[in-house]
C-alpha atoms as a PDB file:
ATOM      1  CA  MET A   1      -0.087  -0.037   0.044  1.00  0.00           C
ATOM      2  CA  PRO A   2       1.309   3.423  -0.825  1.00  0.00           C
ATOM      3  CA  ALA A   3       1.339   6.162   1.795  1.00  0.00           C
ATOM      4  CA  SER A   4      -0.563   9.296   1.114  1.00  0.00           C
ATOM      5  CA  GLN A   5       3.043  11.113   0.725  1.00  0.00           C
ATOM      6  CA  PRO A   6       6.406   9.201   0.465  1.00  0.00           C
ATOM      7  CA  GLN A   7       7.935   8.803   3.964  1.00  0.00           C
ATOM      8  CA  THR A   8      11.187   7.554   5.355  1.00  0.00           C
ATOM      9  CA  ILE A   9      11.278   4.291   7.326  1.00  0.00           C
ATOM     10  CA  ALA A  10      14.740   3.611   9.157  1.00  0.00           C
ATOM     11  CA  LEU A  11      15.250  -0.013  10.299  1.00  0.00           C
ATOM     12  CA  VAL A  12      17.807  -0.381  13.027  1.00  0.00           C
ATOM     13  CA  ASP A  13      19.813  -3.598  13.031  1.00  0.00           C
ATOM     14  CA  PRO A  14      23.519  -5.031  13.782  1.00  0.00           C
ATOM     15  CA  TYR A  15      26.221  -6.029  11.412  1.00  0.00           C
ATOM     16  CA  ASN A  16      26.070  -5.715   7.516  1.00  0.00           C
ATOM     17  CA  ASP A  17      24.009  -7.563   5.219  1.00  0.00           C
ATOM     18  CA  LEU A  18      25.951  -7.795   1.929  1.00  0.00           C
ATOM     19  CA  GLY A  19      22.797  -9.263   0.156  1.00  0.00           C
ATOM     20  CA  ALA A  20      20.214  -6.902   1.446  1.00  0.00           C
ATOM     21  CA  GLU A  21      19.542  -4.987  -1.943  1.00  0.00           C
ATOM     22  CA  ALA A  22      19.818  -8.125  -4.006  1.00  0.00           C
ATOM     23  CA  SER A  23      17.703  -9.961  -1.817  1.00  0.00           C
ATOM     24  CA  LEU A  24      15.135  -7.165  -1.962  1.00  0.00           C
ATOM     25  CA  LYS A  25      15.199  -7.301  -5.612  1.00  0.00           C
ATOM     26  CA  THR A  26      14.433 -10.937  -5.673  1.00  0.00           C
ATOM     27  CA  TYR A  27      11.366 -10.490  -3.387  1.00  0.00           C
ATOM     28  CA  ASP A  28      10.134  -7.617  -5.345  1.00  0.00           C
ATOM     29  CA  GLU A  29      10.219  -9.487  -8.527  1.00  0.00           C
ATOM     30  CA  GLU A  30       8.570 -12.517  -6.820  1.00  0.00           C
ATOM     31  CA  PHE A  31       5.396 -10.357  -5.696  1.00  0.00           C
ATOM     32  CA  ALA A  32       5.487  -8.007  -8.481  1.00  0.00           C
ATOM     33  CA  LEU A  33       6.357  -4.942  -6.462  1.00  0.00           C
ATOM     34  CA  PRO A  34       8.012  -1.782  -7.733  1.00  0.00           C
ATOM     35  CA  ALA A  35      11.685  -1.844  -7.654  1.00  0.00           C
ATOM     36  CA  CYS A  36      13.330  -0.302  -4.577  1.00  0.00           C
ATOM     37  CA  THR A  37      17.058   0.174  -5.163  1.00  0.00           C
ATOM     38  CA  ALA A  38      19.713   2.521  -4.162  1.00  0.00           C
ATOM     39  CA  ALA A  39      19.824   3.830  -7.796  1.00  0.00           C
ATOM     40  CA  ASN A  40      16.347   4.814  -7.723  1.00  0.00           C
ATOM     41  CA  GLY A  41      16.674   6.418  -4.477  1.00  0.00           C
ATOM     42  CA  CYS A  42      14.207   3.971  -2.595  1.00  0.00           C
ATOM     43  CA  PHE A  43      16.723   1.913  -0.839  1.00  0.00           C
ATOM     44  CA  GLU A  44      19.777   3.062   1.499  1.00  0.00           C
ATOM     45  CA  GLN A  45      22.157   1.412   3.498  1.00  0.00           C
ATOM     46  CA  VAL A  46      24.182   3.226   6.146  1.00  0.00           C
ATOM     47  CA  ASN A  47      26.374   2.660   9.144  1.00  0.00           C
ATOM     48  CA  GLN A  48      25.408   3.823  12.817  1.00  0.00           C
ATOM     49  CA  ASN A  49      27.154   7.222  12.045  1.00  0.00           C
ATOM     50  CA  GLY A  50      24.949   7.705   8.843  1.00  0.00           C
ATOM     51  CA  GLU A  51      28.007   7.076   6.552  1.00  0.00           C
ATOM     52  CA  LYS A  52      27.536   4.989   3.306  1.00  0.00           C
ATOM     53  CA  GLY A  53      31.073   3.938   2.810  1.00  0.00           C
ATOM     54  CA  LYS A  54      32.113   2.627   5.932  1.00  0.00           C
ATOM     55  CA  LEU A  55      29.529  -0.339   6.927  1.00  0.00           C
ATOM     56  CA  PRO A  56      30.215  -2.758   9.612  1.00  0.00           C
ATOM     57  CA  PHE A  57      31.383  -6.396   9.534  1.00  0.00           C
ATOM     58  CA  PRO A  58      31.205  -7.937   6.879  1.00  0.00           C
ATOM     59  CA  SER A  59      32.065  -4.897   4.686  1.00  0.00           C
ATOM     60  CA  SER A  60      32.872  -6.987   1.746  1.00  0.00           C
ATOM     61  CA  VAL A  61      32.807 -10.883   0.749  1.00  0.00           C
ATOM     62  CA  ALA A  62      36.703 -10.925   1.160  1.00  0.00           C
ATOM     63  CA  GLU A  63      36.314  -9.720   4.896  1.00  0.00           C
ATOM     64  CA  ARG A  64      33.558 -12.608   5.631  1.00  0.00           C
ATOM     65  CA  HIS A  65      35.501 -15.221   3.740  1.00  0.00           C
ATOM     66  CA  ASP A  66      38.769 -14.169   5.797  1.00  0.00           C
ATOM     67  CA  ALA A  67      36.713 -14.406   9.186  1.00  0.00           C
ATOM     68  CA  GLU A  68      35.254 -17.665   8.147  1.00  0.00           C
ATOM     69  CA  SER A  69      38.698 -19.064   7.109  1.00  0.00           C
ATOM     70  CA  LEU A  70      40.166 -17.986  10.510  1.00  0.00           C
ATOM     71  CA  CYS A  71      37.042 -19.683  12.283  1.00  0.00           C
ATOM     72  CA  GLU A  72      38.058 -22.818  10.586  1.00  0.00           C
ATOM     73  CA  ASP A  73      41.756 -22.878  11.074  1.00  0.00           C
ATOM     74  CA  PRO A  74      42.666 -25.212  13.873  1.00  0.00           C
ATOM     75  CA  SER A  75      46.274 -23.749  13.993  1.00  0.00           C
ATOM     76  CA  ALA A  76      44.942 -20.132  14.707  1.00  0.00           C
ATOM     77  CA  PRO A  77      44.929 -18.839  18.553  1.00  0.00           C
ATOM     78  CA  GLU A  78      41.637 -19.995  20.148  1.00  0.00           C
ATOM     79  CA  SER A  79      40.731 -16.579  21.185  1.00  0.00           C
ATOM     80  CA  GLU A  80      40.981 -15.322  17.571  1.00  0.00           C
ATOM     81  CA  ARG A  81      38.960 -18.264  16.250  1.00  0.00           C
ATOM     82  CA  GLU A  82      36.182 -17.846  18.514  1.00  0.00           C
ATOM     83  CA  ALA A  83      35.954 -14.159  17.950  1.00  0.00           C
ATOM     84  CA  ALA A  84      35.836 -15.000  14.041  1.00  0.00           C
ATOM     85  CA  CYS A  85      33.302 -17.773  14.490  1.00  0.00           C
ATOM     86  CA  TYR A  86      31.009 -15.216  16.673  1.00  0.00           C
ATOM     87  CA  ALA A  87      31.252 -12.540  14.209  1.00  0.00           C
ATOM     88  CA  VAL A  88      30.314 -14.721  11.117  1.00  0.00           C
ATOM     89  CA  GLU A  89      27.473 -16.387  13.163  1.00  0.00           C
ATOM     90  CA  GLU A  90      26.125 -13.049  14.199  1.00  0.00           C
ATOM     91  CA  ALA A  91      26.344 -11.460  10.797  1.00  0.00           C
ATOM     92  CA  ASP A  92      24.715 -14.450   9.222  1.00  0.00           C
ATOM     93  CA  GLY A  93      21.878 -14.566  11.865  1.00  0.00           C
ATOM     94  CA  TRP A  94      21.111 -11.025  11.572  1.00  0.00           C
ATOM     95  CA  SER A  95      21.126 -11.140   7.744  1.00  0.00           C
ATOM     96  CA  LEU A  96      17.773 -12.885   7.825  1.00  0.00           C
ATOM     97  CA  GLU A  97      16.501 -10.412  10.221  1.00  0.00           C
ATOM     98  CA  MET A  98      17.429  -7.375   7.972  1.00  0.00           C
ATOM     99  CA  SER A  99      15.777  -9.169   4.932  1.00  0.00           C
ATOM    100  CA  LEU A 100      12.607  -9.482   6.947  1.00  0.00           C
ATOM    101  CA  ASP A 101      12.552  -6.033   7.927  1.00  0.00           C
ATOM    102  CA  ILE A 102      13.488  -4.233   4.658  1.00  0.00           C
ATOM    103  CA  GLU A 103      11.155  -6.636   2.518  1.00  0.00           C
ATOM    104  CA  MET A 104       8.176  -6.161   4.773  1.00  0.00           C
ATOM    105  CA  ALA A 105       8.692  -2.353   5.110  1.00  0.00           C
ATOM    106  CA  HIS A 106       8.734  -2.163   1.199  1.00  0.00           C
ATOM    107  CA  ALA A 107       5.791  -4.451   0.972  1.00  0.00           C
ATOM    108  CA  ILE A 108       3.569  -2.455   3.106  1.00  0.00           C
ATOM    109  CA  CYS A 109       4.777   1.166   2.123  1.00  0.00           C
ATOM    110  CA  GLN A 110       5.806   0.784  -1.630  1.00  0.00           C
ATOM    111  CA  ASN A 111       6.605   4.547  -2.106  1.00  0.00           C
ATOM    112  CA  CYS A 112       8.481   4.824   1.170  1.00  0.00           C
ATOM    113  CA  HIS A 113      12.190   5.540   1.288  1.00  0.00           C
ATOM    114  CA  VAL A 114      13.665   2.656   3.371  1.00  0.00           C
ATOM    115  CA  VAL A 115      16.955   3.103   5.269  1.00  0.00           C
ATOM    116  CA  LEU A 116      18.668   0.319   6.899  1.00  0.00           C
ATOM    117  CA  VAL A 117      21.026   1.590   9.661  1.00  0.00           C
ATOM    118  CA  GLU A 118      23.644  -0.924  10.528  1.00  0.00           C
ATOM    119  CA  ALA A 119      25.019  -0.933  14.048  1.00  0.00           C
ATOM    120  CA  ASP A 120      28.639  -2.058  14.557  1.00  0.00           C
ATOM    121  CA  ASN A 121      27.553  -4.891  16.577  1.00  0.00           C
ATOM    122  CA  SER A 122      24.619  -6.074  18.509  1.00  0.00           C
ATOM    123  CA  GLU A 123      25.869  -4.340  22.006  1.00  0.00           C
ATOM    124  CA  ARG A 124      23.454  -1.807  23.106  1.00  0.00           C
ATOM    125  CA  ALA A 125      25.607   1.030  22.923  1.00  0.00           C
ATOM    126  CA  SER A 126      26.077   0.537  19.139  1.00  0.00           C
ATOM    127  CA  LEU A 127      22.250  -0.150  18.676  1.00  0.00           C
ATOM    128  CA  GLU A 128      21.344   3.013  20.493  1.00  0.00           C
ATOM    129  CA  ALA A 129      23.960   5.116  18.353  1.00  0.00           C
ATOM    130  CA  ALA A 130      22.265   3.590  15.372  1.00  0.00           C
ATOM    131  CA  GLU A 131      18.759   4.498  16.765  1.00  0.00           C
ATOM    132  CA  GLU A 132      19.996   8.253  17.298  1.00  0.00           C
ATOM    133  CA  THR A 133      21.088   8.403  13.594  1.00  0.00           C
ATOM    134  CA  ALA A 134      17.924   6.947  12.464  1.00  0.00           C
ATOM    135  CA  ALA A 135      15.740   9.637  14.000  1.00  0.00           C
ATOM    136  CA  ARG A 136      18.321  12.552  13.336  1.00  0.00           C
ATOM    137  CA  SER A 137      17.309  14.831  10.421  1.00  0.00           C
ATOM    138  CA  ARG A 138      19.210  14.754   7.181  1.00  0.00           C
ATOM    139  CA  GLY A 139      20.443  18.007   7.891  1.00  0.00           C
ATOM    140  CA  GLU A 140      22.180  16.706  10.801  1.00  0.00           C
ATOM    141  CA  GLY A 141      23.683  13.703   9.187  1.00  0.00           C
ATOM    142  CA  GLY A 142      20.816  11.184   9.991  1.00  0.00           C
ATOM    143  CA  ALA A 143      18.340   9.318   8.262  1.00  0.00           C
ATOM    144  CA  GLY A 144      15.673  11.814   8.754  1.00  0.00           C
ATOM    145  CA  ALA A 145      12.969   8.825   9.364  1.00  0.00           C
ATOM    146  CA  GLY A 146       9.447   9.597  10.395  1.00  0.00           C
ATOM    147  CA  GLU A 147       9.125   6.052  11.489  1.00  0.00           C
ATOM    148  CA  VAL A 148      11.886   3.808  13.077  1.00  0.00           C
ATOM    149  CA  SER A 149      11.744   0.090  13.416  1.00  0.00           C
ATOM    150  CA  ASP A 150      13.724  -1.868  16.115  1.00  0.00           C
ATOM    151  CA  SER A 151      13.679  -5.669  15.695  1.00  0.00           C
ATOM    152  CA  TRP A 152      15.879  -6.327  18.602  1.00  0.00           C
ATOM    153  CA  GLY A 153      15.921  -6.288  22.293  1.00  0.00           C
ATOM    154  CA  GLY A 154      17.028  -7.564  25.606  1.00  0.00           C
ATOM    155  CA  ARG A 155      16.902  -7.198  29.097  1.00  0.00           C
ATOM    156  CA  GLU A 156      14.909  -4.096  30.743  1.00  0.00           C
ATOM    157  CA  PRO A 157      17.522  -1.480  32.071  1.00  0.00           C
ATOM    158  CA  ALA A 158      16.978   0.411  35.423  1.00  0.00           C
ATOM    159  CA  PHE A 159      16.564   3.634  33.414  1.00  0.00           C
ATOM    160  CA  ASP A 160      14.884   4.376  30.082  1.00  0.00           C
ATOM    161  CA  SER A 161      17.432   5.457  27.246  1.00  0.00           C
ATOM    162  CA  GLU A 162      16.842   8.881  25.661  1.00  0.00           C
ATOM    163  CA  ALA A 163      17.871   7.183  22.368  1.00  0.00           C
ATOM    164  CA  PHE A 164      14.286   6.336  21.896  1.00  0.00           C
ATOM    165  CA  ASN A 165      12.762   9.680  22.860  1.00  0.00           C
ATOM    166  CA  HIS A 166      11.924  11.454  19.577  1.00  0.00           C
ATOM    167  CA  PRO A 167       8.864  13.343  19.626  1.00  0.00           C
ATOM    168  CA  GLY A 168       7.250  13.200  16.237  1.00  0.00           C
ATOM    169  CA  VAL A 169       8.935  10.187  15.115  1.00  0.00           C
ATOM    170  CA  VAL A 170       7.216   6.836  15.632  1.00  0.00           C
ATOM    171  CA  VAL A 171       9.459   4.227  17.073  1.00  0.00           C
ATOM    172  CA  THR A 172       8.345   0.637  17.032  1.00  0.00           C
ATOM    173  CA  ALA A 173      10.076  -2.034  19.042  1.00  0.00           C
ATOM    174  CA  ALA A 174       9.563  -5.893  18.812  1.00  0.00           C
ATOM    175  CA  SER A 175       8.379  -7.593  22.264  1.00  0.00           C
ATOM    176  CA  GLY A 176      10.614 -10.662  21.122  1.00  0.00           C
ATOM    177  CA  ASP A 177       9.755 -14.193  20.976  1.00  0.00           C
ATOM    178  CA  CYS A 178      10.557 -15.186  24.485  1.00  0.00           C
ATOM    179  CA  GLY A 179       6.959 -15.565  25.688  1.00  0.00           C
ATOM    180  CA  TYR A 180       5.102 -13.614  28.421  1.00  0.00           C
ATOM    181  CA  LEU A 181       7.611 -12.020  30.878  1.00  0.00           C
ATOM    182  CA  GLY A 182      10.420 -14.210  29.197  1.00  0.00           C
ATOM    183  CA  TRP A 183       8.858 -17.587  30.224  1.00  0.00           C
ATOM    184  CA  ARG A 184      11.169 -19.357  27.541  1.00  0.00           C
ATOM    185  CA  ALA A 185      14.175 -18.238  29.568  1.00  0.00           C
ATOM    186  CA  PHE A 186      15.187 -21.854  29.203  1.00  0.00           C
ATOM    187  CA  VAL A 187      16.266 -20.671  25.566  1.00  0.00           C
ATOM    188  CA  GLU A 188      19.849 -19.409  25.784  1.00  0.00           C
ATOM    189  CA  GLU A 189      19.010 -15.964  24.363  1.00  0.00           C
ATOM    190  CA  CYS A 190      15.875 -15.463  26.458  1.00  0.00           C
ATOM    191  CA  ALA A 191      15.875 -13.668  29.856  1.00  0.00           C
ATOM    192  CA  LEU A 192      13.034 -13.379  32.280  1.00  0.00           C
ATOM    193  CA  GLY A 193      10.914 -10.158  32.051  1.00  0.00           C
ATOM    194  CA  VAL A 194       9.755  -8.035  29.262  1.00  0.00           C
ATOM    195  CA  ASN A 195      11.860  -6.945  26.092  1.00  0.00           C
ATOM    196  CA  TYR A 196      13.434  -3.757  26.050  1.00  0.00           C
ATOM    197  CA  PRO A 197      13.300  -1.129  24.186  1.00  0.00           C
ATOM    198  CA  ALA A 198       9.582  -2.583  23.685  1.00  0.00           C
ATOM    199  CA  SER A 199       8.880  -1.607  27.364  1.00  0.00           C
ATOM    200  CA  SER A 200      10.107   1.938  26.977  1.00  0.00           C
ATOM    201  CA  PRO A 201       7.244   4.569  27.441  1.00  0.00           C
ATOM    202  CA  HIS A 202       8.474   6.221  24.196  1.00  0.00           C
ATOM    203  CA  VAL A 203       7.967   3.527  21.794  1.00  0.00           C
ATOM    204  CA  VAL A 204       5.254   1.559  20.319  1.00  0.00           C
ATOM    205  CA  SER A 205       5.528  -2.038  21.524  1.00  0.00           C
ATOM    206  CA  VAL A 206       4.596  -4.667  19.153  1.00  0.00           C
ATOM    207  CA  GLY A 207       3.616  -8.276  19.938  1.00  0.00           C
ATOM    208  CA  GLY A 208       2.784 -11.410  18.125  1.00  0.00           C
ATOM    209  CA  THR A 209      -0.296 -13.346  17.038  1.00  0.00           C
ATOM    210  CA  SER A 210      -1.112 -16.592  15.201  1.00  0.00           C
ATOM    211  CA  LEU A 211      -3.061 -15.539  11.952  1.00  0.00           C
ATOM    212  CA  THR A 212      -5.094 -17.940   9.979  1.00  0.00           C
ATOM    213  CA  MET A 213      -6.139 -16.798   6.457  1.00  0.00           C
ATOM    214  CA  THR A 214      -8.961 -18.485   4.517  1.00  0.00           C
ATOM    215  CA  GLY A 215     -10.676 -17.988   0.949  1.00  0.00           C
ATOM    216  CA  GLU A 216      -9.522 -18.582  -2.396  1.00  0.00           C
ATOM    217  CA  GLY A 217      -5.635 -18.247  -2.266  1.00  0.00           C
ATOM    218  CA  GLY A 218      -5.837 -17.520   1.397  1.00  0.00           C
ATOM    219  CA  GLN A 219      -6.482 -13.999   0.834  1.00  0.00           C
ATOM    220  CA  ALA A 220      -9.102 -13.446   3.323  1.00  0.00           C
ATOM    221  CA  TRP A 221      -8.914 -12.925   7.063  1.00  0.00           C
ATOM    222  CA  GLY A 222      -9.927 -16.079   9.034  1.00  0.00           C
ATOM    223  CA  SER A 223      -8.997 -15.662  12.642  1.00  0.00           C
ATOM    224  CA  GLU A 224      -6.295 -14.572  14.758  1.00  0.00           C
ATOM    225  CA  SER A 225      -5.081 -15.396  18.453  1.00  0.00           C
ATOM    226  CA  VAL A 226      -2.296 -14.614  20.736  1.00  0.00           C
ATOM    227  CA  TRP A 227       0.998 -16.314  19.812  1.00  0.00           C
ATOM    228  CA  GLY A 228       2.492 -18.270  22.813  1.00  0.00           C
ATOM    229  CA  GLY A 229       5.896 -17.165  21.857  1.00  0.00           C
ATOM    230  CA  SER A 230       5.134 -13.391  21.905  1.00  0.00           C
ATOM    231  CA  GLY A 231       6.903 -11.335  24.607  1.00  0.00           C
ATOM    232  CA  GLY A 232       4.857  -9.023  26.675  1.00  0.00           C
ATOM    233  CA  GLY A 233       3.870  -8.235  30.141  1.00  0.00           C
ATOM    234  CA  CYS A 234       4.408  -5.400  32.762  1.00  0.00           C
ATOM    235  CA  SER A 235       7.424  -3.609  33.051  1.00  0.00           C
ATOM    236  CA  GLU A 236       9.416  -3.725  36.157  1.00  0.00           C
ATOM    237  CA  ASN A 237      10.959  -0.211  36.160  1.00  0.00           C
ATOM    238  CA  PHE A 238       8.804   2.077  33.970  1.00  0.00           C
ATOM    239  CA  LEU A 239       5.373   3.761  34.675  1.00  0.00           C
ATOM    240  CA  ALA A 240       2.457   3.483  32.364  1.00  0.00           C
ATOM    241  CA  GLN A 241       1.830   6.423  30.017  1.00  0.00           C
ATOM    242  CA  ALA A 242      -1.470   8.353  30.911  1.00  0.00           C
ATOM    243  CA  TRP A 243      -3.197   7.078  27.849  1.00  0.00           C
ATOM    244  CA  GLN A 244      -2.763   3.425  29.116  1.00  0.00           C
ATOM    245  CA  ARG A 245      -4.075   4.170  32.577  1.00  0.00           C
ATOM    246  CA  GLU A 246      -7.092   5.809  31.066  1.00  0.00           C
ATOM    247  CA  VAL A 247      -8.249   2.645  29.016  1.00  0.00           C
ATOM    248  CA  GLY A 248     -11.641   1.562  30.456  1.00  0.00           C
ATOM    249  CA  ASP A 249     -10.588  -1.852  31.474  1.00  0.00           C
ATOM    250  CA  TRP A 250      -6.768  -0.846  32.719  1.00  0.00           C
ATOM    251  CA  SER A 251      -7.318  -2.603  36.022  1.00  0.00           C
ATOM    252  CA  ALA A 252      -7.708  -5.774  34.210  1.00  0.00           C
ATOM    253  CA  VAL A 253      -4.564  -5.686  32.491  1.00  0.00           C
ATOM    254  CA  GLY A 254      -2.548  -6.392  35.801  1.00  0.00           C
ATOM    255  CA  CYS A 255      -0.024  -3.891  35.910  1.00  0.00           C
ATOM    256  CA  GLY A 256      -1.261  -1.841  38.889  1.00  0.00           C
ATOM    257  CA  THR A 257      -3.857   0.972  39.090  1.00  0.00           C
ATOM    258  CA  GLY A 258      -3.394   4.663  39.412  1.00  0.00           C
ATOM    259  CA  SER A 259      -0.365   6.775  38.808  1.00  0.00           C
ATOM    260  CA  GLN A 260       2.112   4.137  40.106  1.00  0.00           C
ATOM    261  CA  SER A 261       0.874   1.578  37.343  1.00  0.00           C
ATOM    262  CA  LYS A 262       3.573  -0.034  35.378  1.00  0.00           C
ATOM    263  CA  ARG A 263       4.022   0.268  31.539  1.00  0.00           C
ATOM    264  CA  ALA A 264       2.188  -2.576  29.802  1.00  0.00           C
ATOM    265  CA  ALA A 265       3.473  -4.072  26.812  1.00  0.00           C
ATOM    266  CA  ASN A 266       2.223  -4.578  24.018  1.00  0.00           C
ATOM    267  CA  ASP A 267       0.429  -1.707  22.261  1.00  0.00           C
ATOM    268  CA  VAL A 268      -0.311  -3.333  19.167  1.00  0.00           C
ATOM    269  CA  THR A 269      -0.014  -6.985  17.470  1.00  0.00           C
ATOM    270  CA  ALA A 270       0.716  -8.705  14.282  1.00  0.00           C
ATOM    271  CA  ASP A 271       1.210 -12.018  12.956  1.00  0.00           C
ATOM    272  CA  ALA A 272       4.258 -13.562  14.482  1.00  0.00           C
ATOM    273  CA  ASP A 273       3.763 -17.327  14.753  1.00  0.00           C
ATOM    274  CA  PRO A 274       6.502 -19.091  12.760  1.00  0.00           C
ATOM    275  CA  TYR A 275       3.795 -21.467  11.302  1.00  0.00           C
ATOM    276  CA  THR A 276       1.775 -18.710   9.911  1.00  0.00           C
ATOM    277  CA  GLY A 277       4.589 -16.123   9.277  1.00  0.00           C
ATOM    278  CA  VAL A 278       5.695 -14.215   6.244  1.00  0.00           C
ATOM    279  CA  ALA A 279       7.824 -15.334   3.112  1.00  0.00           C
ATOM    280  CA  VAL A 280      11.110 -13.919   3.100  1.00  0.00           C
ATOM    281  CA  TYR A 281      14.030 -13.982   0.461  1.00  0.00           C
ATOM    282  CA  ASP A 282      17.467 -14.104   2.068  1.00  0.00           C
ATOM    283  CA  SER A 283      20.933 -14.835   0.990  1.00  0.00           C
ATOM    284  CA  VAL A 284      21.725 -16.634   4.034  1.00  0.00           C
ATOM    285  CA  PRO A 285      19.836 -19.995   3.913  1.00  0.00           C
ATOM    286  CA  TYR A 286      17.333 -21.443   6.657  1.00  0.00           C
ATOM    287  CA  LEU A 287      16.117 -24.939   6.367  1.00  0.00           C
ATOM    288  CA  ALA A 288      12.957 -24.449   8.754  1.00  0.00           C
ATOM    289  CA  PRO A 289      11.349 -21.981  11.160  1.00  0.00           C
ATOM    290  CA  GLY A 290      13.616 -20.969  13.861  1.00  0.00           C
ATOM    291  CA  GLU A 291      16.716 -22.997  12.587  1.00  0.00           C
ATOM    292  CA  TRP A 292      19.822 -21.266  12.233  1.00  0.00           C
ATOM    293  CA  PRO A 293      21.631 -20.991   8.786  1.00  0.00           C
ATOM    294  CA  ARG A 294      23.811 -24.025   7.638  1.00  0.00           C
ATOM    295  CA  ASN A 295      26.812 -23.488   5.646  1.00  0.00           C
ATOM    296  CA  GLY A 296      26.941 -25.069   2.156  1.00  0.00           C
ATOM    297  CA  LYS A 297      23.286 -24.558   1.497  1.00  0.00           C
ATOM    298  CA  ALA A 298      22.083 -22.392  -1.373  1.00  0.00           C
ATOM    299  CA  PRO A 299      20.111 -19.081  -0.639  1.00  0.00           C
ATOM    300  CA  GLY A 300      16.374 -19.105  -0.924  1.00  0.00           C
ATOM    301  CA  TRP A 301      12.920 -18.560   0.389  1.00  0.00           C
ATOM    302  CA  THR A 302      11.992 -19.227   4.032  1.00  0.00           C
ATOM    303  CA  LEU A 303       8.857 -18.836   6.167  1.00  0.00           C
ATOM    304  CA  VAL A 304       9.824 -16.976   9.319  1.00  0.00           C
ATOM    305  CA  GLU A 305       8.423 -15.927  12.523  1.00  0.00           C
ATOM    306  CA  MET A 306       8.026 -12.280  12.943  1.00  0.00           C
ATOM    307  CA  GLY A 307       9.006 -12.600  16.495  1.00  0.00           C
ATOM    308  CA  GLY A 308       6.741  -9.882  17.731  1.00  0.00           C
ATOM    309  CA  LYS A 309       8.251  -7.597  15.005  1.00  0.00           C
ATOM    310  CA  PRO A 310       6.777  -4.086  14.034  1.00  0.00           C
ATOM    311  CA  GLN A 311       6.677  -4.538  10.359  1.00  0.00           C
ATOM    312  CA  ILE A 312       2.807  -5.441   9.849  1.00  0.00           C
ATOM    313  CA  ALA A 313       1.128  -3.640  12.570  1.00  0.00           C
ATOM    314  CA  GLY A 314       3.851  -0.932  13.085  1.00  0.00           C
ATOM    315  CA  PHE A 315       4.212   0.287   9.506  1.00  0.00           C
ATOM    316  CA  LYS A 316       0.582   0.012   8.601  1.00  0.00           C
ATOM    317  CA  PHE A 317      -0.039   2.307  11.517  1.00  0.00           C
ATOM    318  CA  GLN A 318       2.924   4.617  10.668  1.00  0.00           C
ATOM    319  CA  ALA A 319       2.047   4.897   7.086  1.00  0.00           C
ATOM    320  CA  GLN A 320      -1.506   6.048   7.702  1.00  0.00           C
ATOM    321  CA  THR A 321      -1.048   8.402  10.540  1.00  0.00           C
ATOM    322  CA  ALA A 322       2.571   9.694  10.813  1.00  0.00           C
ATOM    323  CA  PRO A 323       3.506  12.927   9.128  1.00  0.00           C
ATOM    324  CA  PRO A 324       6.070  12.994   6.476  1.00  0.00           C
ATOM    325  CA  ARG A 325       9.430  14.448   7.523  1.00  0.00           C
END
């Protein structure tokens, strides 16, 4: 769907996706979408400081190949091997996330300018630097986005970061796929509690559902229910916004009552179940929902979970309501 006026959507993710634009091209051709390229000004890829020419690891095929070779070299020092293996695994894993973000953003808002802002790594300091760049105006060296999507998160901090406080900019954040209050903490990357920055009072927190389509070609909405893997719950550290507390059945949410109520996540939801998820094309192969990439396999299509991602609910909301910037 085109927005009434062209807008800029910024996507914040760590590491560099070498095949981001090529994967988007394949996706657009498959679904007969208008081309979105760097050449026609639709797609842009910058680092956490807003620079186009100094992208994070892997900045080139050669750099990734060197790291992979070091990872597999038994004669290399163990610390160097581990660091190389970690960098390759992280970059490959985030590649699919970036393809999901880019392709859904373009599919939903086909005349929007899509800017991928790549953090140096998955550390919070790097991601927050990228966040600031995403929301900063073009004149100040930023992406100039009216909407910012965050498909990452972690343990809630004691204090909210100003990196997400940008009045006039819609910032969406994924609630994650660790379940209510992180009940899936037995999974290595999960922690108990709500996901941050989704729990920040400054963002639109996006949870996940299971969506069933019906009708000819599966084009009609059938039913929708809460996905068990969706993150969500009551913040431990942040107070509920006034508009949350004023909802008629607020007391039934379970996050307290009155001015000391805690922030409740989520604000909106969208399809996130890996078995009802979206088709994504990526240069890094995935064998099945939830599996990690395997070396030696060809690039291709996969059905992936949205993981409480903002793309569907967030961008539909943004494209219809946010002012162009």
